[in-house]
Amino acid sequence: MKDAYKSVSIPFGFNTKGERVNLSLFHSFFVAMSGHGKTLGMKSVLLRFHEQHPDWKILVIDSKDKRDFADLNSDIPICFVETTEPLDLKALLEPILSSNLMYYFDKIIEEAVFDTLGEIQRSIAHKIEEVDAHRAKMNGKDLGKLRVLNYTMRKLVALVEKPNIVKDLKLHDGFNVMPVSLPDVKNPTLKRAFQQLIVRSVLVLLLSDQSLEKTLLVLDEEHKWSPQKYGSICKQPLSELVSEGRSQDKFVWLSDQALTKVDKEPLKNVKLWIVGQQMESNEVEDARETVNSITDLNVKDSDIKTLKVGNFILVDGLHGKVERAYLQPYNVPEDVALKIVQGADPELAEPYIRRFEQSLLRSQSQEGENEMVWKEKFEKLEKEFEEFRKTTQVEVQKLRKDLCDSEERENNLNSELEKMQTLRQAFRDFFSIPMAAEGKVEAGVKVTLGTSLTEINLEDNASKEVSMTTQDPSGKLMYCAVRLHEKYLKDLSRTDDKPTFTTAELKKEAAEHGWGLTNMMIGKTTGFLIREAYLIKEGSALRLPTELKINVQEPKQK
């Protein structure tokens, strides 16, 4: 619901009169020197805010090397959105070199034609490689610019192409802690540059995503995102969020140890200031001037210097009031807090604070232990799955190979079968062509091979009855084969009971009957007769089927 913030009131602590003090939900700035209780106070206020308004999303950017908000046990993935718009790309690269890249901007415009940073870097590297290999030409000035851009782009791509980085900002109700301490990035300049890239992405997405209404963003270490003396890609989107966020129920709580290193421009719409103790005169002066100029209220240097631990000056520009108040730490009883307000030593709250911190640590430890247990189980299952995957992969590859071999054998057999069928049909077509009788044989006279079988030799696979005509080469050759068979059976010089004969003998026998058959015709015809089991091949010779009585009637002569 729009303007939901107006109904939000956050318990803070007690003022010097012992009256309950609540904070309005608005863009705010917490500033206090180290050791004053700023971090503990922010956690306490945030926890109370969450308890009373659980439907709000709280996004904390946790950037210190020694994390302040890890004990909330609500970490979410780092969010980073790539941009290849030339101005944005220039702003992304400048923190890496800590230098203005306007001199290289023409080349940035020229190269920023791809959808991802990785593609841009690879394109630049390829151009340099082509020139170095003398396959392309480029003047030295442009080549030098490309080398600088390639160096910075490699650094940038190495930062953004990490497995724990997501492109979408997904928040749930309650706490969402984004850890951006980046312990694996050792170079402080690169670390700061990448941290700014991440925060910039968060700010841009928070501004543009309408589903992220009722969100409170907590940005500690404000000098990292909006430094006083240096440029930052976070300044512009932070200024826009502070200016426009209220209409979408999106607010920012900023914090730092001092204001001297913070750019004041994005803070113009921050109306609620929680000021803790400052001791350095320039820091006291800067805090006083900043707060007074923005809120049009009057805070004195002495007010800031004399604050005790846990006490803050609340400068409320929304309601035009300034008051000193004790920030009641979470878990500290109300009566103890009131005693401290009335002058008791703040150490009175220490036992409760320690118990509160220990409870967070125990919760974090338990969460860590549970995480370790599940991590071990996950790693074990992951290892077993990897072994199973490798074994299965080998089996699948073997089965695929066997299947391919089977398919190949099947294809080969089908191919051979098709060839044989084609050849068989060709023979059938060839031998079915009527041929005029040659020589002394009268056309149309049939040769009948009457069969009287007493046994069928399975080996021969012979037909029981064969009827042919001498008009076909097959009939002529079969007639000659019968004549040779009978002739060799009567030949007392031959001892074989299965007389064989050669194709040459068949040709000679055919010639005696006036049939001038060519070698090619005899070869094709005998092949056909062999396949039909009318003739049996014995090595290089031929014979008639065994156990077969054949009566032959010779054709009439002219």
Protein backbone atom coordinates (compact mmCIF):
# COMPACT_ATOMS: atom_id res chain seq x y z
CA MET A 1 0.00 0.00 0.00
CA LYS A 2 1.43 3.38 -1.00
CA ASP A 3 2.48 5.66 1.88
CA ALA A 4 2.47 2.70 4.26
CA TYR A 5 5.48 4.29 5.97
CA LYS A 6 3.23 6.96 7.56
CA SER A 7 1.75 4.40 9.93
CA VAL A 8 5.14 2.98 10.94
CA SER A 9 6.62 3.86 14.34
CA ILE A 10 9.85 2.24 15.53
CA PRO A 11 10.77 2.02 19.27
CA PHE A 12 14.13 3.73 19.84
CA GLY A 13 14.63 4.30 23.58
CA PHE A 14 14.06 7.03 26.16
CA ASN A 15 14.80 10.75 26.24
CA THR A 16 16.31 12.59 29.18
CA LYS A 17 12.84 13.00 30.72
CA GLY A 18 12.32 9.22 30.72
CA GLU A 19 9.74 9.43 27.95
CA ARG A 20 9.48 6.76 25.29
CA VAL A 21 11.02 7.89 21.99
CA ASN A 22 9.99 6.37 18.65
CA LEU A 23 11.50 6.87 15.22
CA SER A 24 9.48 7.71 12.15
CA LEU A 25 10.26 5.60 9.10
CA PHE A 26 12.13 7.86 6.70
CA HIS A 27 15.48 8.22 4.98
CA SER A 28 17.89 8.33 7.93
CA PHE A 29 21.59 8.63 8.75
CA PHE A 30 23.32 7.05 11.77
CA VAL A 31 26.67 8.64 12.53
CA ALA A 32 28.90 7.87 15.53
CA MET A 33 32.55 7.20 16.23
CA SER A 34 33.77 3.63 16.71
CA GLY A 35 32.82 2.11 20.07
CA HIS A 36 29.81 4.36 20.69
CA GLY A 37 27.25 1.61 20.04
CA LYS A 38 26.12 2.53 16.53
CA THR A 39 26.08 -1.03 15.12
CA LEU A 40 24.41 -2.51 18.22
CA GLY A 41 21.88 0.32 18.18
CA MET A 42 21.06 -0.19 14.51
CA LYS A 43 20.57 -3.93 15.03
CA SER A 44 18.30 -3.25 18.00
CA VAL A 45 16.15 -0.76 16.10
CA LEU A 46 15.99 -3.07 13.05
CA LEU A 47 14.95 -6.07 15.16
CA ARG A 48 12.16 -4.08 16.81
CA PHE A 49 11.07 -2.75 13.42
CA HIS A 50 10.89 -6.33 12.08
CA GLU A 51 8.94 -7.57 15.11
CA GLN A 52 6.30 -4.87 14.73
CA HIS A 53 6.22 -4.81 10.91
CA PRO A 54 7.07 -8.31 9.64
CA ASP A 55 5.62 -7.58 6.19
CA TRP A 56 8.45 -5.16 5.39
CA LYS A 57 11.62 -6.29 3.63
CA ILE A 58 14.92 -5.29 5.25
CA LEU A 59 17.95 -5.44 2.94
CA VAL A 60 21.31 -5.00 4.69
CA ILE A 61 24.51 -4.49 2.68
CA ASP A 62 27.21 -6.04 4.89
CA SER A 63 30.53 -4.81 3.51
CA LYS A 64 33.12 -4.97 6.32
CA ASP A 65 35.84 -7.63 6.25
CA LYS A 66 34.77 -8.54 9.78
CA ARG A 67 31.06 -8.69 9.09
CA ASP A 68 28.65 -6.82 11.39
CA PHE A 69 25.40 -8.50 10.35
CA ALA A 70 26.38 -12.14 9.79
CA ASP A 71 24.75 -13.05 13.11
CA LEU A 72 21.31 -12.26 11.66
CA ASN A 73 21.62 -15.55 9.71
CA SER A 74 19.78 -14.19 6.68
CA ASP A 75 22.35 -14.13 3.90
CA ILE A 76 21.21 -13.85 0.29
CA PRO A 77 23.25 -14.14 -2.95
CA ILE A 78 25.20 -11.18 -4.26
CA CYS A 79 23.29 -9.35 -6.95
CA PHE A 80 24.99 -7.83 -9.97
CA VAL A 81 23.46 -6.66 -13.23
CA GLU A 82 25.75 -6.24 -16.23
CA THR A 83 25.53 -3.09 -18.30
CA THR A 84 27.23 -2.36 -21.61
CA GLU A 85 25.93 1.17 -22.14
CA PRO A 86 29.11 3.22 -22.89
CA LEU A 87 28.66 5.78 -20.08
CA ASP A 88 27.89 3.06 -17.56
CA LEU A 89 30.82 0.97 -18.80
CA LYS A 90 33.16 3.94 -18.42
CA ALA A 91 31.93 4.41 -14.85
CA LEU A 92 32.43 0.69 -14.17
CA LEU A 93 36.02 0.70 -15.40
CA GLU A 94 37.23 3.91 -13.74
CA PRO A 95 37.36 2.51 -10.17
CA ILE A 96 39.61 -0.30 -11.38
CA LEU A 97 42.28 2.16 -12.57
CA SER A 98 41.38 4.87 -10.05
CA SER A 99 41.50 7.20 -13.02
CA ASN A 100 39.20 9.08 -15.36
CA LEU A 101 38.82 7.21 -18.68
CA MET A 102 37.49 10.07 -20.82
CA TYR A 103 40.59 9.73 -23.07
CA TYR A 104 39.46 6.17 -23.86
CA PHE A 105 35.76 6.95 -24.22
CA ASP A 106 35.78 6.86 -28.03
CA LYS A 107 37.07 3.29 -27.93
CA ILE A 108 34.57 2.33 -25.22
CA ILE A 109 31.75 3.57 -27.49
CA GLU A 110 33.24 1.66 -30.42
CA GLU A 111 33.58 -1.63 -28.51
CA ALA A 112 30.39 -1.54 -26.40
CA VAL A 113 28.24 -3.22 -29.05
CA PHE A 114 27.72 -6.59 -27.31
CA ASP A 115 25.24 -7.76 -24.70
CA THR A 116 27.76 -8.91 -22.07
CA LEU A 117 31.02 -7.65 -20.62
CA GLY A 118 32.70 -10.95 -21.47
CA GLU A 119 31.86 -10.58 -25.16
CA ILE A 120 33.26 -7.04 -25.21
CA GLN A 121 36.52 -8.17 -23.58
CA ARG A 122 36.95 -11.11 -25.96
CA SER A 123 36.33 -8.88 -28.97
CA ILE A 124 39.00 -6.40 -27.79
CA ALA A 125 41.47 -9.22 -27.09
CA HIS A 126 40.85 -10.68 -30.56
CA LYS A 127 41.58 -7.36 -32.27
CA ILE A 128 44.84 -7.00 -30.34
CA GLU A 129 45.81 -10.58 -31.24
CA GLU A 130 45.14 -9.94 -34.93
CA VAL A 131 47.37 -6.84 -34.92
CA ASP A 132 50.14 -8.60 -32.97
CA ALA A 133 50.06 -11.48 -35.45
CA HIS A 134 50.33 -8.98 -38.36
CA ARG A 135 46.96 -10.09 -39.74
CA ALA A 136 45.46 -6.62 -39.23
CA LYS A 137 46.70 -3.04 -39.04
CA MET A 138 45.99 -0.36 -36.44
CA ASN A 139 47.73 2.87 -35.50
CA GLY A 140 49.72 2.84 -32.29
CA LYS A 141 47.45 5.26 -30.46
CA ASP A 142 44.32 3.16 -30.95
CA LEU A 143 46.20 -0.05 -30.18
CA GLY A 144 47.44 1.45 -26.91
CA LYS A 145 43.89 2.39 -25.95
CA LEU A 146 42.70 -1.14 -26.67
CA ARG A 147 45.45 -2.63 -24.52
CA VAL A 148 44.41 -0.48 -21.55
CA LEU A 149 40.75 -1.35 -22.06
CA ASN A 150 41.58 -5.04 -22.41
CA TYR A 151 43.47 -4.96 -19.10
CA THR A 152 40.63 -3.25 -17.22
CA MET A 153 37.97 -5.38 -18.89
CA ARG A 154 39.78 -8.60 -17.88
CA LYS A 155 39.80 -7.41 -14.28
CA LEU A 156 36.12 -6.50 -14.46
CA VAL A 157 35.04 -9.77 -16.10
CA ALA A 158 37.02 -11.80 -13.54
CA LEU A 159 35.02 -10.05 -10.82
CA VAL A 160 31.55 -10.43 -12.27
CA GLU A 161 31.78 -13.99 -13.61
CA LYS A 162 31.51 -15.72 -10.23
CA PRO A 163 29.16 -18.65 -9.47
CA ASN A 164 27.58 -17.05 -6.36
CA ILE A 165 26.32 -13.97 -8.23
CA VAL A 166 22.74 -13.58 -9.46
CA LYS A 167 21.14 -11.05 -11.80
CA ASP A 168 17.82 -10.68 -9.99
CA LEU A 169 17.17 -9.06 -6.62
CA LYS A 170 14.85 -11.49 -4.84
CA LEU A 171 13.87 -10.38 -1.31
CA HIS A 172 11.59 -12.03 1.23
CA ASP A 173 9.78 -10.36 4.10
CA GLY A 174 12.09 -9.75 7.04
CA PHE A 175 15.89 -9.67 6.98
CA ASN A 176 17.93 -10.10 3.79
CA VAL A 177 21.68 -9.69 4.37
CA MET A 178 23.87 -9.38 1.27
CA PRO A 179 27.52 -10.06 2.19
CA VAL A 180 29.79 -7.99 -0.05
CA SER A 181 33.02 -8.18 1.98
CA LEU A 182 34.56 -10.25 -0.88
CA PRO A 183 37.32 -11.95 1.14
CA ASP A 184 38.70 -13.69 -1.97
CA VAL A 185 39.49 -10.35 -3.66
CA LYS A 186 42.83 -9.30 -2.20
CA ASN A 187 43.45 -6.09 -4.15
CA PRO A 188 41.70 -3.32 -2.15
CA THR A 189 41.11 -1.15 -5.22
CA LEU A 190 39.47 -3.99 -7.11
CA LYS A 191 37.47 -4.95 -4.04
CA ARG A 192 36.11 -1.44 -3.62
CA ALA A 193 35.33 -1.24 -7.36
CA PHE A 194 33.36 -4.48 -7.33
CA GLN A 195 31.56 -3.56 -4.12
CA GLN A 196 30.41 -0.36 -5.81
CA LEU A 197 29.24 -2.36 -8.85
CA ILE A 198 27.14 -4.58 -6.58
CA VAL A 199 25.61 -1.70 -4.62
CA ARG A 200 24.89 0.17 -7.83
CA SER A 201 23.02 -2.90 -9.16
CA VAL A 202 21.01 -3.12 -5.94
CA LEU A 203 20.10 0.56 -6.06
CA VAL A 204 19.07 0.43 -9.74
CA LEU A 205 16.96 -2.71 -9.26
CA LEU A 206 15.38 -1.36 -6.10
CA LEU A 207 14.37 1.78 -7.96
CA SER A 208 12.99 -0.01 -11.02
CA ASP A 209 11.29 -3.10 -9.53
CA GLN A 210 7.76 -2.24 -8.44
CA SER A 211 7.42 -5.54 -6.58
CA LEU A 212 10.03 -4.40 -4.06
CA GLU A 213 7.78 -1.86 -2.35
CA LYS A 214 7.84 -1.72 1.47
CA THR A 215 11.61 -2.20 1.52
CA LEU A 216 14.17 -0.69 3.90
CA LEU A 217 17.74 -0.63 2.58
CA VAL A 218 20.53 -0.43 5.16
CA LEU A 219 23.85 0.89 3.80
CA ASP A 220 26.69 0.93 6.32
CA GLU A 221 30.09 2.48 5.51
CA GLU A 222 28.49 5.22 3.44
CA HIS A 223 31.89 6.70 2.44
CA LYS A 224 32.45 3.59 0.26
CA TRP A 225 29.39 4.31 -1.87
CA SER A 226 29.36 8.09 -1.85
CA PRO A 227 32.91 9.33 -1.14
CA GLN A 228 33.51 13.04 -0.60
CA LYS A 229 36.46 13.58 -2.94
CA TYR A 230 36.06 10.82 -5.54
CA GLY A 231 33.58 9.76 -8.14
CA SER A 232 31.37 6.75 -7.58
CA ILE A 233 28.90 4.91 -9.78
CA CYS A 234 26.63 4.64 -6.72
CA LYS A 235 26.10 8.35 -6.16
CA GLN A 236 23.52 8.96 -8.88
CA PRO A 237 21.23 5.97 -8.16
CA LEU A 238 21.54 6.61 -4.41
CA SER A 239 20.45 10.23 -4.90
CA GLU A 240 17.51 9.04 -7.01
CA LEU A 241 16.45 6.47 -4.40
CA VAL A 242 16.58 9.06 -1.61
CA SER A 243 14.60 11.50 -3.77
CA GLU A 244 12.02 9.12 -5.24
CA GLY A 245 11.89 6.12 -2.91
CA ARG A 246 9.33 7.51 -0.48
CA SER A 247 6.56 7.44 -3.14
CA GLN A 248 7.15 3.68 -3.56
CA ASP A 249 7.56 2.91 0.17
CA LYS A 250 11.31 2.38 -0.30
CA PHE A 251 13.64 3.90 2.27
CA VAL A 252 17.36 4.05 3.01
CA TRP A 253 19.17 3.99 6.34
CA LEU A 254 22.74 5.13 5.90
CA SER A 255 25.51 5.01 8.48
CA ASP A 256 29.18 5.82 8.98
CA GLN A 257 31.65 6.72 11.70
CA ALA A 258 31.99 10.29 10.47
CA LEU A 259 30.65 12.63 7.81
CA THR A 260 33.96 14.15 6.72
CA LYS A 261 34.54 11.48 4.02
CA VAL A 262 30.92 11.39 2.82
CA ASP A 263 29.56 13.32 -0.16
CA LYS A 264 26.67 15.43 1.09
CA GLU A 265 24.83 15.76 -2.23
CA PRO A 266 22.85 12.44 -1.96
CA LEU A 267 21.92 13.35 1.65
CA LYS A 268 19.80 16.41 0.93
CA ASN A 269 16.55 14.51 1.40
CA VAL A 270 17.68 12.68 4.53
CA LYS A 271 15.44 14.22 7.21
CA LEU A 272 16.18 12.00 10.19
CA TRP A 273 19.66 12.09 11.76
CA ILE A 274 20.83 9.93 14.66
CA VAL A 275 24.08 11.57 15.78
CA GLY A 276 26.43 9.88 18.20
CA GLN A 277 29.64 11.12 19.81
CA GLN A 278 32.38 12.70 17.70
CA MET A 279 35.70 13.79 19.20
CA GLU A 280 37.78 15.14 16.31
CA SER A 281 37.04 18.85 15.95
CA ASN A 282 36.69 18.69 12.18
CA GLU A 283 34.33 15.70 12.47
CA VAL A 284 32.27 17.48 15.13
CA GLU A 285 32.07 20.59 13.01
CA ASP A 286 31.19 18.68 9.85
CA ALA A 287 28.44 16.73 11.63
CA ARG A 288 26.96 19.90 13.15
CA GLU A 289 27.02 21.87 9.88
CA THR A 290 25.59 19.04 7.81
CA VAL A 291 22.75 18.27 10.20
CA ASN A 292 21.83 21.92 10.80
CA SER A 293 21.90 22.88 7.12
CA ILE A 294 19.70 19.97 6.04
CA THR A 295 17.15 20.07 8.88
CA ASP A 296 17.19 23.84 9.62
CA LEU A 297 17.60 22.94 13.29
CA ASN A 298 20.26 23.87 15.82
CA VAL A 299 22.73 21.29 17.16
CA LYS A 300 25.77 22.53 19.11
CA ASP A 301 29.31 21.16 19.07
CA SER A 302 29.11 20.58 22.81
CA ASP A 303 25.99 18.45 22.38
CA ILE A 304 27.92 16.10 20.12
CA LYS A 305 31.16 15.96 22.12
CA THR A 306 29.55 15.20 25.47
CA LEU A 307 27.38 12.27 24.47
CA LYS A 308 27.83 9.11 26.54
CA VAL A 309 28.04 5.62 25.04
CA GLY A 310 24.65 4.56 23.70
CA ASN A 311 23.25 8.11 23.77
CA PHE A 312 22.37 9.93 20.57
CA ILE A 313 20.99 13.26 19.42
CA LEU A 314 17.86 12.70 17.38
CA VAL A 315 17.52 15.47 14.80
CA ASP A 316 14.06 15.10 13.30
CA GLY A 317 13.68 17.37 10.29
CA LEU A 318 10.21 15.95 9.60
CA HIS A 319 8.77 17.24 12.85
CA GLY A 320 11.27 20.02 13.51
CA LYS A 321 12.65 18.82 16.85
CA VAL A 322 15.95 17.90 18.45
CA GLU A 323 16.28 15.70 21.53
CA ARG A 324 18.86 13.61 23.29
CA ALA A 325 17.88 9.98 23.83
CA TYR A 326 19.31 6.71 25.05
CA LEU A 327 19.08 3.97 22.39
CA GLN A 328 17.75 0.98 24.32
CA PRO A 329 19.69 -2.10 23.19
CA TYR A 330 17.66 -5.13 22.26
CA ASN A 331 17.12 -7.42 25.27
CA VAL A 332 17.88 -4.64 27.82
CA PRO A 333 14.87 -4.31 30.19
CA GLU A 334 12.98 -1.04 30.26
CA ASP A 335 13.78 -0.37 33.91
CA VAL A 336 17.51 -0.75 33.28
CA ALA A 337 17.30 1.59 30.30
CA LEU A 338 15.49 4.19 32.40
CA LYS A 339 18.17 4.01 35.13
CA ILE A 340 20.86 4.72 32.54
CA VAL A 341 18.83 7.68 31.24
CA GLN A 342 18.62 8.98 34.80
CA GLY A 343 22.41 8.92 35.16
CA ALA A 344 23.41 5.33 35.92
CA ASP A 345 26.57 3.93 34.32
CA PRO A 346 25.87 2.53 30.83
CA GLU A 347 27.85 -0.52 31.99
CA LEU A 348 24.67 -1.53 33.79
CA ALA A 349 23.33 -2.77 30.45
CA GLU A 350 26.44 -4.80 29.56
CA PRO A 351 25.27 -8.20 30.95
CA TYR A 352 22.09 -7.98 28.92
CA ILE A 353 23.97 -6.84 25.85
CA ARG A 354 26.44 -9.75 26.17
CA ARG A 355 23.60 -12.24 26.54
CA PHE A 356 21.94 -10.74 23.47
CA GLU A 357 25.15 -10.96 21.44
CA GLN A 358 25.82 -14.49 22.71
CA SER A 359 22.33 -15.57 21.71
CA LEU A 360 22.99 -14.26 18.21
CA LEU A 361 26.33 -16.05 18.14
CA ARG A 362 24.74 -19.30 19.35
CA SER A 363 22.10 -18.97 16.70
CA GLN A 364 24.78 -18.30 14.11
CA SER A 365 26.88 -21.22 15.43
CA GLN A 366 23.90 -23.57 15.35
CA GLU A 367 23.06 -22.40 11.90
CA GLY A 368 26.69 -22.97 10.93
CA GLU A 369 26.73 -26.42 12.49
CA ASN A 370 23.52 -27.36 10.74
CA GLU A 371 24.96 -25.97 7.56
CA MET A 372 28.13 -28.05 8.04
CA VAL A 373 26.12 -31.22 8.67
CA TRP A 374 24.05 -30.68 5.58
CA LYS A 375 27.11 -29.62 3.66
CA GLU A 376 28.83 -32.93 4.53
CA LYS A 377 25.73 -34.86 3.52
CA PHE A 378 25.46 -32.88 0.33
CA GLU A 379 29.13 -33.39 -0.52
CA LYS A 380 28.80 -37.13 0.12
CA LEU A 381 25.72 -37.38 -2.06
CA GLU A 382 27.37 -35.20 -4.66
CA LYS A 383 30.41 -37.53 -4.71
CA GLU A 384 28.21 -40.64 -4.98
CA PHE A 385 26.19 -39.04 -7.74
CA GLU A 386 29.36 -38.10 -9.63
CA GLU A 387 30.64 -41.69 -9.43
CA PHE A 388 27.25 -42.99 -10.56
CA ARG A 389 27.20 -40.43 -13.37
CA LYS A 390 30.65 -41.46 -14.60
CA THR A 391 29.78 -45.18 -14.47
CA THR A 392 26.47 -44.58 -16.18
CA GLN A 393 28.14 -42.41 -18.78
CA VAL A 394 30.57 -45.23 -19.65
CA GLU A 395 27.70 -47.72 -19.91
CA VAL A 396 25.63 -45.31 -22.01
CA GLN A 397 28.57 -44.71 -24.34
CA LYS A 398 29.09 -48.47 -24.71
CA LEU A 399 25.39 -49.04 -25.40
CA ARG A 400 25.40 -46.20 -27.91
CA LYS A 401 28.41 -47.73 -29.66
CA ASP A 402 26.78 -51.17 -29.71
CA LEU A 403 23.59 -49.63 -31.04
CA CYS A 404 25.50 -47.76 -33.72
CA ASP A 405 27.35 -50.97 -34.67
CA SER A 406 24.05 -52.90 -34.81
CA GLU A 407 22.46 -50.20 -36.92
CA GLU A 408 25.49 -50.19 -39.18
CA ARG A 409 25.37 -54.00 -39.56
CA GLU A 410 21.64 -53.84 -40.21
CA ASN A 411 22.15 -51.15 -42.81
CA ASN A 412 24.93 -53.18 -44.48
CA LEU A 413 22.77 -56.32 -44.55
CA ASN A 414 19.82 -54.39 -45.92
CA SER A 415 22.08 -52.89 -48.54
CA GLU A 416 23.43 -56.32 -49.56
CA LEU A 417 19.92 -57.75 -49.61
CA GLU A 418 18.73 -54.94 -51.83
CA LYS A 419 21.68 -55.54 -54.18
CA MET A 420 20.94 -59.27 -54.34
CA GLN A 421 17.25 -58.67 -54.91
CA THR A 422 18.08 -56.18 -57.64
CA LEU A 423 20.51 -58.61 -59.26
CA ARG A 424 18.03 -61.50 -58.99
CA GLN A 425 15.33 -59.44 -60.61
CA ALA A 426 17.77 -58.43 -63.32
CA PHE A 427 18.49 -62.11 -64.03
CA ARG A 428 14.81 -62.95 -64.06
CA ASP A 429 14.13 -60.09 -66.43
CA PHE A 430 17.06 -61.15 -68.63
CA PHE A 431 16.11 -64.83 -68.88
CA SER A 432 12.45 -64.13 -69.50
CA ILE A 433 13.26 -62.47 -72.84
CA PRO A 434 12.27 -64.84 -75.66
CA MET A 435 15.24 -65.85 -77.89
CA ALA A 436 14.98 -67.28 -81.38
CA ALA A 437 16.11 -70.88 -81.65
CA GLU A 438 19.55 -71.20 -83.16
CA GLY A 439 21.08 -73.93 -85.26
CA LYS A 440 19.29 -77.23 -85.60
CA VAL A 441 16.81 -76.92 -82.75
CA GLU A 442 13.21 -76.11 -83.66
CA ALA A 443 11.84 -73.07 -81.93
CA GLY A 444 9.29 -73.69 -79.21
CA VAL A 445 10.33 -77.28 -78.47
CA LYS A 446 10.30 -77.90 -74.74
CA VAL A 447 12.88 -79.79 -72.74
CA THR A 448 11.01 -81.54 -69.93
CA LEU A 449 13.03 -82.69 -66.98
CA GLY A 450 10.64 -85.16 -65.50
CA THR A 451 11.67 -85.87 -61.93
CA SER A 452 11.21 -89.00 -59.94
CA LEU A 453 12.72 -88.31 -56.54
CA THR A 454 13.45 -91.01 -53.99
CA GLU A 455 15.22 -88.59 -51.66
CA ILE A 456 15.68 -84.86 -51.45
CA ASN A 457 19.18 -83.81 -50.52
CA LEU A 458 18.64 -80.78 -48.30
CA GLU A 459 22.01 -79.56 -49.26
CA ASP A 460 20.96 -79.30 -52.87
CA ASN A 461 17.54 -77.75 -52.16
CA ALA A 462 16.42 -78.95 -55.60
CA SER A 463 12.97 -78.51 -57.09
CA LYS A 464 10.78 -81.63 -57.64
CA GLU A 465 9.92 -80.69 -61.21
CA VAL A 466 11.59 -78.42 -63.69
CA SER A 467 10.19 -77.36 -67.06
CA MET A 468 12.15 -75.21 -69.46
CA THR A 469 12.25 -74.30 -73.12
CA THR A 470 15.25 -74.11 -75.42
CA GLN A 471 14.10 -70.69 -76.47
CA ASP A 472 15.78 -69.44 -73.23
CA PRO A 473 19.50 -69.68 -72.49
CA SER A 474 18.65 -71.35 -69.21
CA GLY A 475 16.80 -74.17 -71.05
CA LYS A 476 19.68 -74.61 -73.48
CA LEU A 477 22.28 -74.84 -70.72
CA MET A 478 20.13 -77.17 -68.62
CA TYR A 479 19.65 -79.45 -71.65
CA CYS A 480 23.43 -79.48 -72.18
CA ALA A 481 23.99 -80.20 -68.49
CA VAL A 482 21.66 -83.26 -68.66
CA ARG A 483 23.47 -84.54 -71.78
CA LEU A 484 26.87 -84.14 -70.11
CA HIS A 485 25.59 -85.80 -66.94
CA GLU A 486 24.34 -88.87 -68.87
CA LYS A 487 27.45 -88.98 -71.03
CA TYR A 488 29.80 -88.96 -68.02
CA LEU A 489 27.73 -91.59 -66.19
CA LYS A 490 28.19 -93.92 -69.19
CA ASP A 491 31.91 -93.15 -69.38
CA LEU A 492 33.59 -96.23 -67.83
CA SER A 493 36.82 -94.29 -67.38
CA ARG A 494 35.14 -92.01 -64.80
CA THR A 495 34.62 -93.32 -61.30
CA ASP A 496 32.63 -90.43 -59.74
CA ASP A 497 28.93 -91.02 -59.14
CA LYS A 498 28.31 -87.31 -59.20
CA PRO A 499 29.84 -86.27 -62.49
CA THR A 500 30.89 -82.67 -62.78
CA PHE A 501 31.48 -80.48 -65.76
CA THR A 502 32.85 -77.02 -66.46
CA THR A 503 31.30 -74.02 -68.16
CA ALA A 504 33.71 -74.61 -71.03
CA GLU A 505 32.26 -78.09 -71.49
CA LEU A 506 28.75 -76.62 -71.37
CA LYS A 507 29.73 -74.15 -74.08
CA LYS A 508 31.22 -76.90 -76.23
CA GLU A 509 28.13 -79.07 -75.78
CA ALA A 510 25.92 -76.11 -76.73
CA ALA A 511 27.99 -75.49 -79.84
CA GLU A 512 27.45 -79.09 -80.94
CA HIS A 513 23.72 -78.36 -80.93
CA GLY A 514 24.21 -75.17 -82.86
CA TRP A 515 23.81 -72.78 -79.92
CA GLY A 516 26.50 -70.13 -80.02
CA LEU A 517 26.38 -68.93 -76.41
CA THR A 518 28.89 -66.28 -75.32
CA ASN A 519 30.98 -66.55 -72.18
CA MET A 520 29.04 -63.64 -70.62
CA MET A 521 25.70 -65.27 -71.37
CA ILE A 522 26.88 -68.60 -69.97
CA GLY A 523 28.22 -66.90 -66.84
CA LYS A 524 24.98 -65.06 -66.13
CA THR A 525 22.81 -68.09 -66.89
CA THR A 526 24.79 -70.55 -64.78
CA GLY A 527 24.69 -68.06 -61.93
CA PHE A 528 20.92 -68.03 -62.15
CA LEU A 529 20.70 -71.85 -62.33
CA ILE A 530 22.96 -72.17 -59.29
CA ARG A 531 20.85 -69.74 -57.23
CA GLU A 532 17.71 -71.66 -58.17
CA ALA A 533 19.44 -74.97 -57.20
CA TYR A 534 19.02 -76.37 -60.70
CA LEU A 535 22.82 -76.72 -60.81
CA ILE A 536 25.18 -77.38 -57.90
CA LYS A 537 28.56 -75.69 -57.74
CA GLU A 538 31.46 -77.99 -56.80
CA GLY A 539 34.57 -75.82 -56.52
CA SER A 540 35.12 -74.45 -60.00
CA ALA A 541 32.94 -77.14 -61.62
CA LEU A 542 29.20 -77.78 -61.81
CA ARG A 543 26.93 -80.80 -61.40
CA LEU A 544 23.26 -81.75 -61.35
CA PRO A 545 21.47 -82.12 -58.01
CA THR A 546 22.15 -85.47 -56.25
CA GLU A 547 19.55 -88.24 -55.78
CA LEU A 548 17.63 -86.90 -58.72
CA LYS A 549 16.42 -89.09 -61.65
CA ILE A 550 16.01 -87.03 -64.74
CA ASN A 551 14.29 -88.17 -67.94
CA VAL A 552 15.13 -85.99 -70.87
CA GLN A 553 13.29 -85.81 -74.18
CA GLU A 554 15.52 -84.43 -76.90
CA PRO A 555 14.11 -81.75 -79.17
CA LYS A 556 13.15 -82.64 -82.72
CA GLN A 557 15.71 -81.75 -85.36
CA LYS A 558 14.85 -79.80 -88.43
